[in-house]
PDB file of N, CA and C in Angstrom:
ATOM      1  N   VAL A   1     -93.796 -27.241 -54.328  1.00  0.00           N
ATOM      2  CA  VAL A   1     -94.821 -26.381 -54.886  1.00  0.00           C
ATOM      3  C   VAL A   1     -95.337 -25.498 -53.755  1.00  0.00           C
ATOM      4  N   ARG A   2     -95.283 -24.204 -53.965  1.00  0.00           N
ATOM      5  CA  ARG A   2     -95.808 -23.268 -52.970  1.00  0.00           C
ATOM      6  C   ARG A   2     -97.203 -22.842 -53.395  1.00  0.00           C
ATOM      7  N   LEU A   3     -98.176 -23.218 -52.592  1.00  0.00           N
ATOM      8  CA  LEU A   3     -99.559 -22.861 -52.887  1.00  0.00           C
ATOM      9  C   LEU A   3     -99.962 -21.644 -52.076  1.00  0.00           C
ATOM     10  N   ASN A   4    -100.730 -20.800 -52.690  1.00  0.00           N
ATOM     11  CA  ASN A   4    -101.293 -19.641 -52.019  1.00  0.00           C
ATOM     12  C   ASN A   4    -102.242 -20.139 -50.917  1.00  0.00           C
ATOM     13  N   PRO A   5    -102.181 -19.554 -49.720  1.00  0.00           N
ATOM     14  CA  PRO A   5    -103.079 -20.004 -48.645  1.00  0.00           C
ATOM     15  C   PRO A   5    -104.562 -19.918 -49.011  1.00  0.00           C
ATOM     16  N   LEU A   6    -104.933 -18.933 -49.796  1.00  0.00           N
ATOM     17  CA  LEU A   6    -106.331 -18.835 -50.216  1.00  0.00           C
ATOM     18  C   LEU A   6    -106.692 -20.001 -51.134  1.00  0.00           C
ATOM     19  N   THR A   7    -105.766 -20.409 -51.996  1.00  0.00           N
ATOM     20  CA  THR A   7    -105.993 -21.559 -52.868  1.00  0.00           C
ATOM     21  C   THR A   7    -106.181 -22.826 -52.045  1.00  0.00           C
ATOM     22  N   VAL A   8    -105.365 -22.989 -51.013  1.00  0.00           N
ATOM     23  CA  VAL A   8    -105.487 -24.160 -50.139  1.00  0.00           C
ATOM     24  C   VAL A   8    -106.853 -24.168 -49.462  1.00  0.00           C
ATOM     25  N   LEU A   9    -107.252 -23.033 -48.912  1.00  0.00           N
ATOM     26  CA  LEU A   9    -108.529 -22.954 -48.204  1.00  0.00           C
ATOM     27  C   LEU A   9    -109.700 -23.265 -49.129  1.00  0.00           C
ATOM     28  N   VAL A  10    -109.713 -22.639 -50.292  1.00  0.00           N
ATOM     29  CA  VAL A  10    -110.820 -22.844 -51.228  1.00  0.00           C
ATOM     30  C   VAL A  10    -110.848 -24.285 -51.723  1.00  0.00           C
ATOM     31  N   SER A  11    -109.683 -24.843 -52.036  1.00  0.00           N
ATOM     32  CA  SER A  11    -109.664 -26.213 -52.547  1.00  0.00           C
ATOM     33  C   SER A  11    -110.099 -27.220 -51.482  1.00  0.00           C
ATOM     34  N   VAL A  12    -109.677 -27.029 -50.241  1.00  0.00           N
ATOM     35  CA  VAL A  12    -110.089 -27.941 -49.168  1.00  0.00           C
ATOM     36  C   VAL A  12    -111.590 -27.834 -48.923  1.00  0.00           C
ATOM     37  N   LEU A  13    -112.116 -26.614 -48.861  1.00  0.00           N
ATOM     38  CA  LEU A  13    -113.554 -26.453 -48.627  1.00  0.00           C
ATOM     39  C   LEU A  13    -114.385 -27.019 -49.778  1.00  0.00           C
ATOM     40  N   LEU A  14    -113.956 -26.777 -50.995  1.00  0.00           N
ATOM     41  CA  LEU A  14    -114.691 -27.268 -52.155  1.00  0.00           C
ATOM     42  C   LEU A  14    -114.624 -28.790 -52.230  1.00  0.00           C
ATOM     43  N   ALA A  15    -113.442 -29.358 -52.022  1.00  0.00           N
ATOM     44  CA  ALA A  15    -113.301 -30.817 -52.084  1.00  0.00           C
ATOM     45  C   ALA A  15    -114.040 -31.492 -50.938  1.00  0.00           C
ATOM     46  N   ALA A  16    -114.042 -30.884 -49.766  1.00  0.00           N
ATOM     47  CA  ALA A  16    -114.783 -31.457 -48.640  1.00  0.00           C
ATOM     48  C   ALA A  16    -116.283 -31.445 -48.915  1.00  0.00           C
ATOM     49  N   GLU A  17    -116.762 -30.411 -49.560  1.00  0.00           N
ATOM     50  CA  GLU A  17    -118.185 -30.327 -49.893  1.00  0.00           C
ATOM     51  C   GLU A  17    -118.555 -31.361 -50.953  1.00  0.00           C
ATOM     52  N   LEU A  18    -117.651 -31.572 -51.924  1.00  0.00           N
ATOM     53  CA  LEU A  18    -117.954 -32.499 -53.016  1.00  0.00           C
ATOM     54  C   LEU A  18    -117.703 -33.959 -52.644  1.00  0.00           C
ATOM     55  N   ALA A  19    -116.603 -34.239 -51.915  1.00  0.00           N
ATOM     56  CA  ALA A  19    -116.218 -35.639 -51.693  1.00  0.00           C
ATOM     57  C   ALA A  19    -116.027 -35.986 -50.228  1.00  0.00           C
ATOM     58  N   GLY A  20    -116.373 -35.119 -49.326  1.00  0.00           N
ATOM     59  CA  GLY A  20    -116.288 -35.432 -47.906  1.00  0.00           C
ATOM     60  C   GLY A  20    -114.861 -35.399 -47.388  1.00  0.00           C
ATOM     61  N   LEU A  21    -114.583 -36.252 -46.399  1.00  0.00           N
ATOM     62  CA  LEU A  21    -113.279 -36.268 -45.745  1.00  0.00           C
ATOM     63  C   LEU A  21    -112.166 -36.675 -46.710  1.00  0.00           C
ATOM     64  N   LEU A  22    -112.430 -37.662 -47.546  1.00  0.00           N
ATOM     65  CA  LEU A  22    -111.413 -38.092 -48.510  1.00  0.00           C
ATOM     66  C   LEU A  22    -111.082 -36.957 -49.484  1.00  0.00           C
ATOM     67  N   GLY A  23    -112.069 -36.210 -49.916  1.00  0.00           N
ATOM     68  CA  GLY A  23    -111.830 -35.072 -50.797  1.00  0.00           C
ATOM     69  C   GLY A  23    -111.009 -33.992 -50.122  1.00  0.00           C
ATOM     70  N   ALA A  24    -111.286 -33.746 -48.840  1.00  0.00           N
ATOM     71  CA  ALA A  24    -110.522 -32.740 -48.092  1.00  0.00           C
ATOM     72  C   ALA A  24    -109.062 -33.158 -47.955  1.00  0.00           C
ATOM     73  N   LEU A  25    -108.820 -34.457 -47.772  1.00  0.00           N
ATOM     74  CA  LEU A  25    -107.442 -34.945 -47.643  1.00  0.00           C
ATOM     75  C   LEU A  25    -106.684 -34.883 -48.970  1.00  0.00           C
ATOM     76  N   LEU A  26    -107.379 -35.086 -50.063  1.00  0.00           N
ATOM     77  CA  LEU A  26    -106.722 -35.096 -51.375  1.00  0.00           C
ATOM     78  C   LEU A  26    -106.741 -33.730 -52.058  1.00  0.00           C
ATOM     79  N   ALA A  27    -107.347 -32.736 -51.434  1.00  0.00           N
ATOM     80  CA  ALA A  27    -107.505 -31.425 -52.070  1.00  0.00           C
ATOM     81  C   ALA A  27    -106.171 -30.726 -52.277  1.00  0.00           C
ATOM     82  N   ILE A  28    -105.292 -30.749 -51.286  1.00  0.00           N
ATOM     83  CA  ILE A  28    -104.022 -30.024 -51.404  1.00  0.00           C
ATOM     84  C   ILE A  28    -103.110 -30.658 -52.458  1.00  0.00           C
ATOM     85  N   PRO A  29    -102.930 -31.992 -52.471  1.00  0.00           N
ATOM     86  CA  PRO A  29    -102.124 -32.561 -53.566  1.00  0.00           C
ATOM     87  C   PRO A  29    -102.735 -32.293 -54.945  1.00  0.00           C
ATOM     88  N   ALA A  30    -104.062 -32.344 -55.039  1.00  0.00           N
ATOM     89  CA  ALA A  30    -104.702 -32.072 -56.326  1.00  0.00           C
ATOM     90  C   ALA A  30    -104.497 -30.618 -56.739  1.00  0.00           C
ATOM     91  N   ALA A  31    -104.554 -29.703 -55.785  1.00  0.00           N
ATOM     92  CA  ALA A  31    -104.320 -28.287 -56.101  1.00  0.00           C
ATOM     93  C   ALA A  31    -102.874 -28.071 -56.541  1.00  0.00           C
ATOM     94  N   GLY A  32    -101.928 -28.774 -55.922  1.00  0.00           N
ATOM     95  CA  GLY A  32    -100.524 -28.667 -56.333  1.00  0.00           C
ATOM     96  C   GLY A  32    -100.309 -29.173 -57.745  1.00  0.00           C
ATOM     97  N   VAL A  33    -100.928 -30.302 -58.083  1.00  0.00           N
ATOM     98  CA  VAL A  33    -100.825 -30.837 -59.444  1.00  0.00           C
ATOM     99  C   VAL A  33    -101.460 -29.866 -60.430  1.00  0.00           C
ATOM    100  N   GLY A  34    -102.595 -29.310 -60.064  1.00  0.00           N
ATOM    101  CA  GLY A  34    -103.254 -28.338 -60.944  1.00  0.00           C
ATOM    102  C   GLY A  34    -102.398 -27.103 -61.177  1.00  0.00           C
ATOM    103  N   GLN A  35    -101.726 -26.640 -60.133  1.00  0.00           N
ATOM    104  CA  GLN A  35    -100.859 -25.468 -60.283  1.00  0.00           C
ATOM    105  C   GLN A  35     -99.686 -25.772 -61.211  1.00  0.00           C
ATOM    106  N   ILE A  36     -99.091 -26.936 -61.072  1.00  0.00           N
ATOM    107  CA  ILE A  36     -97.972 -27.312 -61.947  1.00  0.00           C
ATOM    108  C   ILE A  36     -98.438 -27.408 -63.394  1.00  0.00           C
ATOM    109  N   LEU A  37     -99.596 -28.030 -63.619  1.00  0.00           N
ATOM    110  CA  LEU A  37    -100.112 -28.148 -64.981  1.00  0.00           C
ATOM    111  C   LEU A  37    -100.411 -26.779 -65.586  1.00  0.00           C
ATOM    112  N   LEU A  38    -100.978 -25.882 -64.792  1.00  0.00           N
ATOM    113  CA  LEU A  38    -101.257 -24.537 -65.305  1.00  0.00           C
ATOM    114  C   LEU A  38     -99.970 -23.800 -65.663  1.00  0.00           C
ATOM    115  N   ARG A  39     -98.953 -23.930 -64.826  1.00  0.00           N
ATOM    116  CA  ARG A  39     -97.687 -23.242 -65.106  1.00  0.00           C
ATOM    117  C   ARG A  39     -97.012 -23.787 -66.360  1.00  0.00           C
ATOM    118  N   GLU A  40     -97.136 -25.088 -66.580  1.00  0.00           N
ATOM    119  CA  GLU A  40     -96.447 -25.699 -67.710  1.00  0.00           C
ATOM    120  C   GLU A  40     -97.176 -25.510 -69.036  1.00  0.00           C
ATOM    121  N   PHE A  41     -98.499 -25.573 -69.010  1.00  0.00           N
ATOM    122  CA  PHE A  41     -99.231 -25.629 -70.269  1.00  0.00           C
ATOM    123  C   PHE A  41    -100.097 -24.417 -70.576  1.00  0.00           C
ATOM    124  N   ALA A  42    -100.313 -23.531 -69.644  1.00  0.00           N
ATOM    125  CA  ALA A  42    -101.149 -22.356 -69.907  1.00  0.00           C
ATOM    126  C   ALA A  42    -100.355 -21.325 -70.702  1.00  0.00           C
ATOM    127  N   PRO A  43    -100.924 -20.760 -71.756  1.00  0.00           N
ATOM    128  CA  PRO A  43    -100.183 -19.767 -72.542  1.00  0.00           C
ATOM    129  C   PRO A  43     -99.892 -18.492 -71.760  1.00  0.00           C
ATOM    130  N   ALA A  44    -100.713 -18.147 -70.778  1.00  0.00           N
ATOM    131  CA  ALA A  44    -100.459 -16.935 -69.995  1.00  0.00           C
ATOM    132  C   ALA A  44     -99.190 -17.077 -69.171  1.00  0.00           C
ATOM    133  N   GLY A  45     -98.798 -18.278 -68.840  1.00  0.00           N
ATOM    134  CA  GLY A  45     -97.584 -18.502 -68.066  1.00  0.00           C
ATOM    135  C   GLY A  45     -96.323 -18.383 -68.893  1.00  0.00           C
ATOM    136  N   ARG A  46     -96.457 -18.296 -70.196  1.00  0.00           N
ATOM    137  CA  ARG A  46     -95.308 -18.239 -71.096  1.00  0.00           C
ATOM    138  C   ARG A  46     -95.021 -16.835 -71.608  1.00  0.00           C
ATOM    139  N   ARG A  47     -95.453 -15.835 -70.897  1.00  0.00           N
ATOM    140  CA  ARG A  47     -95.208 -14.459 -71.335  1.00  0.00           C
ATOM    141  C   ARG A  47     -93.725 -14.149 -71.243  1.00  0.00           C
ATOM    142  N   THR A  48     -93.197 -13.555 -72.282  1.00  0.00           N
ATOM    143  CA  THR A  48     -91.789 -13.156 -72.285  1.00  0.00           C
ATOM    144  C   THR A  48     -91.689 -11.707 -72.727  1.00  0.00           C
ATOM    145  N   LEU A  49     -90.607 -11.093 -72.389  1.00  0.00           N
ATOM    146  CA  LEU A  49     -90.363  -9.716 -72.808  1.00  0.00           C
ATOM    147  C   LEU A  49     -89.913  -9.704 -74.260  1.00  0.00           C
ATOM    148  N   PRO A  50     -90.226  -8.642 -74.987  1.00  0.00           N
ATOM    149  CA  PRO A  50     -89.742  -8.556 -76.365  1.00  0.00           C
ATOM    150  C   PRO A  50     -88.228  -8.417 -76.377  1.00  0.00           C
ATOM    151  N   PRO A  51     -87.589  -8.825 -77.472  1.00  0.00           N
ATOM    152  CA  PRO A  51     -86.128  -8.695 -77.524  1.00  0.00           C
ATOM    153  C   PRO A  51     -85.725  -7.226 -77.472  1.00  0.00           C
ATOM    154  N   PRO A  52     -84.573  -6.923 -76.886  1.00  0.00           N
ATOM    155  CA  PRO A  52     -84.143  -5.522 -76.787  1.00  0.00           C
ATOM    156  C   PRO A  52     -83.842  -4.941 -78.163  1.00  0.00           C
ATOM    157  N   ALA A  53     -84.079  -3.651 -78.286  1.00  0.00           N
ATOM    158  CA  ALA A  53     -83.803  -2.958 -79.542  1.00  0.00           C
ATOM    159  C   ALA A  53     -82.295  -2.873 -79.748  1.00  0.00           C
ATOM    160  N   PRO A  54     -81.838  -2.960 -80.988  1.00  0.00           N
ATOM    161  CA  PRO A  54     -80.390  -2.849 -81.219  1.00  0.00           C
ATOM    162  C   PRO A  54     -79.897  -1.448 -80.878  1.00  0.00           C
ATOM    163  N   ASP A  55     -78.650  -1.373 -80.444  1.00  0.00           N
ATOM    164  CA  ASP A  55     -78.060  -0.082 -80.093  1.00  0.00           C
ATOM    165  C   ASP A  55     -77.911   0.778 -81.341  1.00  0.00           C
ATOM    166  N   ARG A  56     -78.305   2.034 -81.199  1.00  0.00           N
ATOM    167  CA  ARG A  56     -78.136   2.979 -82.304  1.00  0.00           C
ATOM    168  C   ARG A  56     -76.810   3.690 -82.133  1.00  0.00           C
ATOM    169  N   PRO A  57     -76.087   3.912 -83.213  1.00  0.00           N
ATOM    170  CA  PRO A  57     -74.830   4.663 -83.071  1.00  0.00           C
ATOM    171  C   PRO A  57     -75.133   6.106 -82.694  1.00  0.00           C
ATOM    172  N   ARG A  58     -74.349   6.626 -81.787  1.00  0.00           N
ATOM    173  CA  ARG A  58     -74.537   8.007 -81.348  1.00  0.00           C
ATOM    174  C   ARG A  58     -73.821   8.954 -82.299  1.00  0.00           C
ATOM    175  N   ASP A  59     -74.412  10.115 -82.462  1.00  0.00           N
ATOM    176  CA  ASP A  59     -73.792  11.142 -83.288  1.00  0.00           C
ATOM    177  C   ASP A  59     -72.594  11.694 -82.527  1.00  0.00           C
ATOM    178  N   GLN A  60     -71.426  11.671 -83.120  1.00  0.00           N
ATOM    179  CA  GLN A  60     -70.205  12.080 -82.442  1.00  0.00           C
ATOM    180  C   GLN A  60     -69.961  13.584 -82.499  1.00  0.00           C
ATOM    181  N   THR A  61     -70.723  14.311 -83.291  1.00  0.00           N
ATOM    182  CA  THR A  61     -70.508  15.755 -83.378  1.00  0.00           C
ATOM    183  C   THR A  61     -71.344  16.445 -82.311  1.00  0.00           C
ATOM    184  N   PRO A  62     -70.743  17.394 -81.571  1.00  0.00           N
ATOM    185  CA  PRO A  62     -71.519  18.085 -80.535  1.00  0.00           C
ATOM    186  C   PRO A  62     -72.528  19.039 -81.157  1.00  0.00           C
ATOM    187  N   ALA A  63     -73.524  19.378 -80.384  1.00  0.00           N
ATOM    188  CA  ALA A  63     -74.528  20.328 -80.836  1.00  0.00           C
ATOM    189  C   ALA A  63     -73.878  21.692 -81.020  1.00  0.00           C
ATOM    190  N   PRO A  64     -74.409  22.533 -81.916  1.00  0.00           N
ATOM    191  CA  PRO A  64     -73.818  23.856 -82.120  1.00  0.00           C
ATOM    192  C   PRO A  64     -73.812  24.660 -80.823  1.00  0.00           C
ATOM    193  N   GLY A  65     -72.679  25.280 -80.520  1.00  0.00           N
ATOM    194  CA  GLY A  65     -72.557  26.114 -79.336  1.00  0.00           C
ATOM    195  C   GLY A  65     -72.220  25.342 -78.079  1.00  0.00           C
ATOM    196  N   ARG A  66     -72.074  24.026 -78.159  1.00  0.00           N
ATOM    197  CA  ARG A  66     -71.738  23.225 -76.977  1.00  0.00           C
ATOM    198  C   ARG A  66     -70.383  22.568 -77.198  1.00  0.00           C
ATOM    199  N   PRO A  67     -69.507  22.633 -76.208  1.00  0.00           N
ATOM    200  CA  PRO A  67     -68.196  22.000 -76.365  1.00  0.00           C
ATOM    201  C   PRO A  67     -68.323  20.477 -76.350  1.00  0.00           C
ATOM    202  N   ARG A  68     -67.341  19.811 -76.943  1.00  0.00           N
ATOM    203  CA  ARG A  68     -67.356  18.352 -76.985  1.00  0.00           C
ATOM    204  C   ARG A  68     -67.223  17.779 -75.575  1.00  0.00           C
ATOM    205  N   HIS A  69     -66.318  18.337 -74.791  1.00  0.00           N
ATOM    206  CA  HIS A  69     -66.130  17.921 -73.405  1.00  0.00           C
ATOM    207  C   HIS A  69     -66.344  19.146 -72.529  1.00  0.00           C
ATOM    208  N   PRO A  70     -67.299  19.123 -71.609  1.00  0.00           N
ATOM    209  CA  PRO A  70     -67.531  20.298 -70.771  1.00  0.00           C
ATOM    210  C   PRO A  70     -66.321  20.587 -69.889  1.00  0.00           C
ATOM    211  N   ALA A  71     -66.070  21.872 -69.665  1.00  0.00           N
ATOM    212  CA  ALA A  71     -64.937  22.283 -68.835  1.00  0.00           C
ATOM    213  C   ALA A  71     -65.191  21.886 -67.393  1.00  0.00           C
ATOM    214  N   ARG A  72     -64.127  21.526 -66.712  1.00  0.00           N
ATOM    215  CA  ARG A  72     -64.252  21.172 -65.300  1.00  0.00           C
ATOM    216  C   ARG A  72     -64.110  22.418 -64.457  1.00  0.00           C
ATOM    217  N   ARG A  73     -64.959  22.533 -63.463  1.00  0.00           N
ATOM    218  CA  ARG A  73     -64.880  23.665 -62.553  1.00  0.00           C
ATOM    219  C   ARG A  73     -63.930  23.333 -61.411  1.00  0.00           C
ATOM    220  N   PRO A  74     -63.178  24.329 -60.929  1.00  0.00           N
ATOM    221  CA  PRO A  74     -62.316  24.063 -59.774  1.00  0.00           C
ATOM    222  C   PRO A  74     -63.178  23.815 -58.544  1.00  0.00           C
ATOM    223  N   PRO A  75     -62.674  23.027 -57.587  1.00  0.00           N
ATOM    224  CA  PRO A  75     -63.480  22.760 -56.392  1.00  0.00           C
ATOM    225  C   PRO A  75     -63.722  24.032 -55.596  1.00  0.00           C
ATOM    226  N   ALA A  76     -64.873  24.092 -54.985  1.00  0.00           N
ATOM    227  CA  ALA A  76     -65.244  25.263 -54.192  1.00  0.00           C
ATOM    228  C   ALA A  76     -64.400  25.317 -52.927  1.00  0.00           C
ATOM    229  N   PRO A  77     -64.035  26.527 -52.456  1.00  0.00           N
ATOM    230  CA  PRO A  77     -63.277  26.613 -51.213  1.00  0.00           C
ATOM    231  C   PRO A  77     -64.108  26.077 -50.054  1.00  0.00           C
ATOM    232  N   GLY A  78     -63.448  25.346 -49.164  1.00  0.00           N
ATOM    233  CA  GLY A  78     -64.153  24.773 -48.023  1.00  0.00           C
ATOM    234  C   GLY A  78     -65.023  23.609 -48.428  1.00  0.00           C
ATOM    235  N   GLY A  79     -64.666  22.934 -49.511  1.00  0.00           N
ATOM    236  CA  GLY A  79     -65.450  21.804 -49.998  1.00  0.00           C
ATOM    237  C   GLY A  79     -65.335  20.613 -49.071  1.00  0.00           C
ATOM    238  N   ALA A  80     -65.848  19.494 -49.517  1.00  0.00           N
ATOM    239  CA  ALA A  80     -65.897  18.304 -48.680  1.00  0.00           C
ATOM    240  C   ALA A  80     -64.503  17.790 -48.344  1.00  0.00           C
ATOM    241  N   LEU A  81     -63.508  18.054 -49.197  1.00  0.00           N
ATOM    242  CA  LEU A  81     -62.168  17.543 -48.950  1.00  0.00           C
ATOM    243  C   LEU A  81     -61.318  18.498 -48.123  1.00  0.00           C
ATOM    244  N   SER A  82     -61.803  19.694 -47.912  1.00  0.00           N
ATOM    245  CA  SER A  82     -61.026  20.695 -47.192  1.00  0.00           C
ATOM    246  C   SER A  82     -61.127  20.475 -45.694  1.00  0.00           C
ATOM    247  N   GLN A  83     -60.032  20.707 -44.980  1.00  0.00           N
ATOM    248  CA  GLN A  83     -60.006  20.586 -43.527  1.00  0.00           C
ATOM    249  C   GLN A  83     -60.291  21.927 -42.857  1.00  0.00           C
ATOM    250  N   GLU A  84     -60.271  22.994 -43.629  1.00  0.00           N
ATOM    251  CA  GLU A  84     -60.429  24.328 -43.065  1.00  0.00           C
ATOM    252  C   GLU A  84     -61.883  24.769 -43.141  1.00  0.00           C
ATOM    253  N   PRO A  85     -62.316  25.623 -42.187  1.00  0.00           N
ATOM    254  CA  PRO A  85     -63.671  26.167 -42.282  1.00  0.00           C
ATOM    255  C   PRO A  85     -63.763  27.136 -43.458  1.00  0.00           C
ATOM    256  N   PRO A  86     -64.976  27.491 -43.885  1.00  0.00           N
ATOM    257  CA  PRO A  86     -65.141  28.346 -45.056  1.00  0.00           C
ATOM    258  C   PRO A  86     -64.418  29.679 -44.976  1.00  0.00           C
ATOM    259  N   GLY A  87     -64.079  30.196 -43.812  1.00  0.00           N
ATOM    260  CA  GLY A  87     -63.389  31.479 -43.708  1.00  0.00           C
ATOM    261  C   GLY A  87     -61.947  31.415 -44.172  1.00  0.00           C
ATOM    262  N   GLY A  88     -61.382  30.248 -44.326  1.00  0.00           N
ATOM    263  CA  GLY A  88     -60.014  30.107 -44.798  1.00  0.00           C
ATOM    264  C   GLY A  88     -59.018  29.957 -43.668  1.00  0.00           C
ATOM    265  N   ALA A  89     -59.360  30.341 -42.444  1.00  0.00           N
ATOM    266  CA  ALA A  89     -58.439  30.227 -41.314  1.00  0.00           C
ATOM    267  C   ALA A  89     -58.630  28.866 -40.661  1.00  0.00           C
ATOM    268  N   PRO A  90     -57.546  28.274 -40.158  1.00  0.00           N
ATOM    269  CA  PRO A  90     -57.707  26.987 -39.479  1.00  0.00           C
ATOM    270  C   PRO A  90     -58.562  27.151 -38.230  1.00  0.00           C
ATOM    271  N   SER A  91     -59.280  26.113 -37.899  1.00  0.00           N
ATOM    272  CA  SER A  91     -60.159  26.202 -36.732  1.00  0.00           C
ATOM    273  C   SER A  91     -59.330  26.186 -35.455  1.00  0.00           C
ATOM    274  N   GLN A  92     -59.786  26.967 -34.496  1.00  0.00           N
ATOM    275  CA  GLN A  92     -59.109  27.017 -33.206  1.00  0.00           C
ATOM    276  C   GLN A  92     -60.054  26.433 -32.179  1.00  0.00           C
ATOM    277  N   GLU A  93     -59.645  25.312 -31.611  1.00  0.00           N
ATOM    278  CA  GLU A  93     -60.476  24.663 -30.616  1.00  0.00           C
ATOM    279  C   GLU A  93     -60.190  25.278 -29.258  1.00  0.00           C
ATOM    280  N   PRO A  94     -61.198  25.416 -28.413  1.00  0.00           N
ATOM    281  CA  PRO A  94     -60.963  25.954 -27.063  1.00  0.00           C
ATOM    282  C   PRO A  94     -60.130  24.957 -26.254  1.00  0.00           C
ATOM    283  N   PRO A  95     -59.354  25.456 -25.285  1.00  0.00           N
ATOM    284  CA  PRO A  95     -58.554  24.540 -24.471  1.00  0.00           C
ATOM    285  C   PRO A  95     -59.462  23.624 -23.672  1.00  0.00           C
ATOM    286  N   PRO A  96     -58.996  22.410 -23.370  1.00  0.00           N
ATOM    287  CA  PRO A  96     -59.840  21.472 -22.625  1.00  0.00           C
ATOM    288  C   PRO A  96     -60.163  22.010 -21.235  1.00  0.00           C
ATOM    289  N   ALA A  97     -61.359  21.769 -20.775  1.00  0.00           N
ATOM    290  CA  ALA A  97     -61.807  22.249 -19.464  1.00  0.00           C
ATOM    291  C   ALA A  97     -61.174  21.419 -18.350  1.00  0.00           C
ATOM    292  N   GLY A  98     -60.953  22.045 -17.219  1.00  0.00           N
ATOM    293  CA  GLY A  98     -60.425  21.347 -16.058  1.00  0.00           C
ATOM    294  C   GLY A  98     -58.919  21.189 -16.087  1.00  0.00           C
ATOM    295  N   GLY A  99     -58.221  21.975 -16.828  1.00  0.00           N
ATOM    296  CA  GLY A  99     -56.795  21.743 -16.904  1.00  0.00           C
ATOM    297  C   GLY A  99     -56.041  22.940 -16.780  1.00  0.00           C
TER     298      GLY A  99
END
């Protein structure tokens, strides 16, 4: 059981005030039992999401003036797959220095 540090602090201080040293020693186990009971039996702990809505069939006819499958555009020159610079000419690297 993972208890919130603030819960531990409050339970130890409250139990020590009410029952002294014995209360302070038993505060953490009592807080753990209380947390388990709240998780199991509290209605707020049983919140669930609503069931998903059923899938609606999609209309298979395209809207007026729109093609069923959009046309593919050719790749732009000098795109990400191209090895050439945008000018179309292969790049010319300067000769290595010192040679």
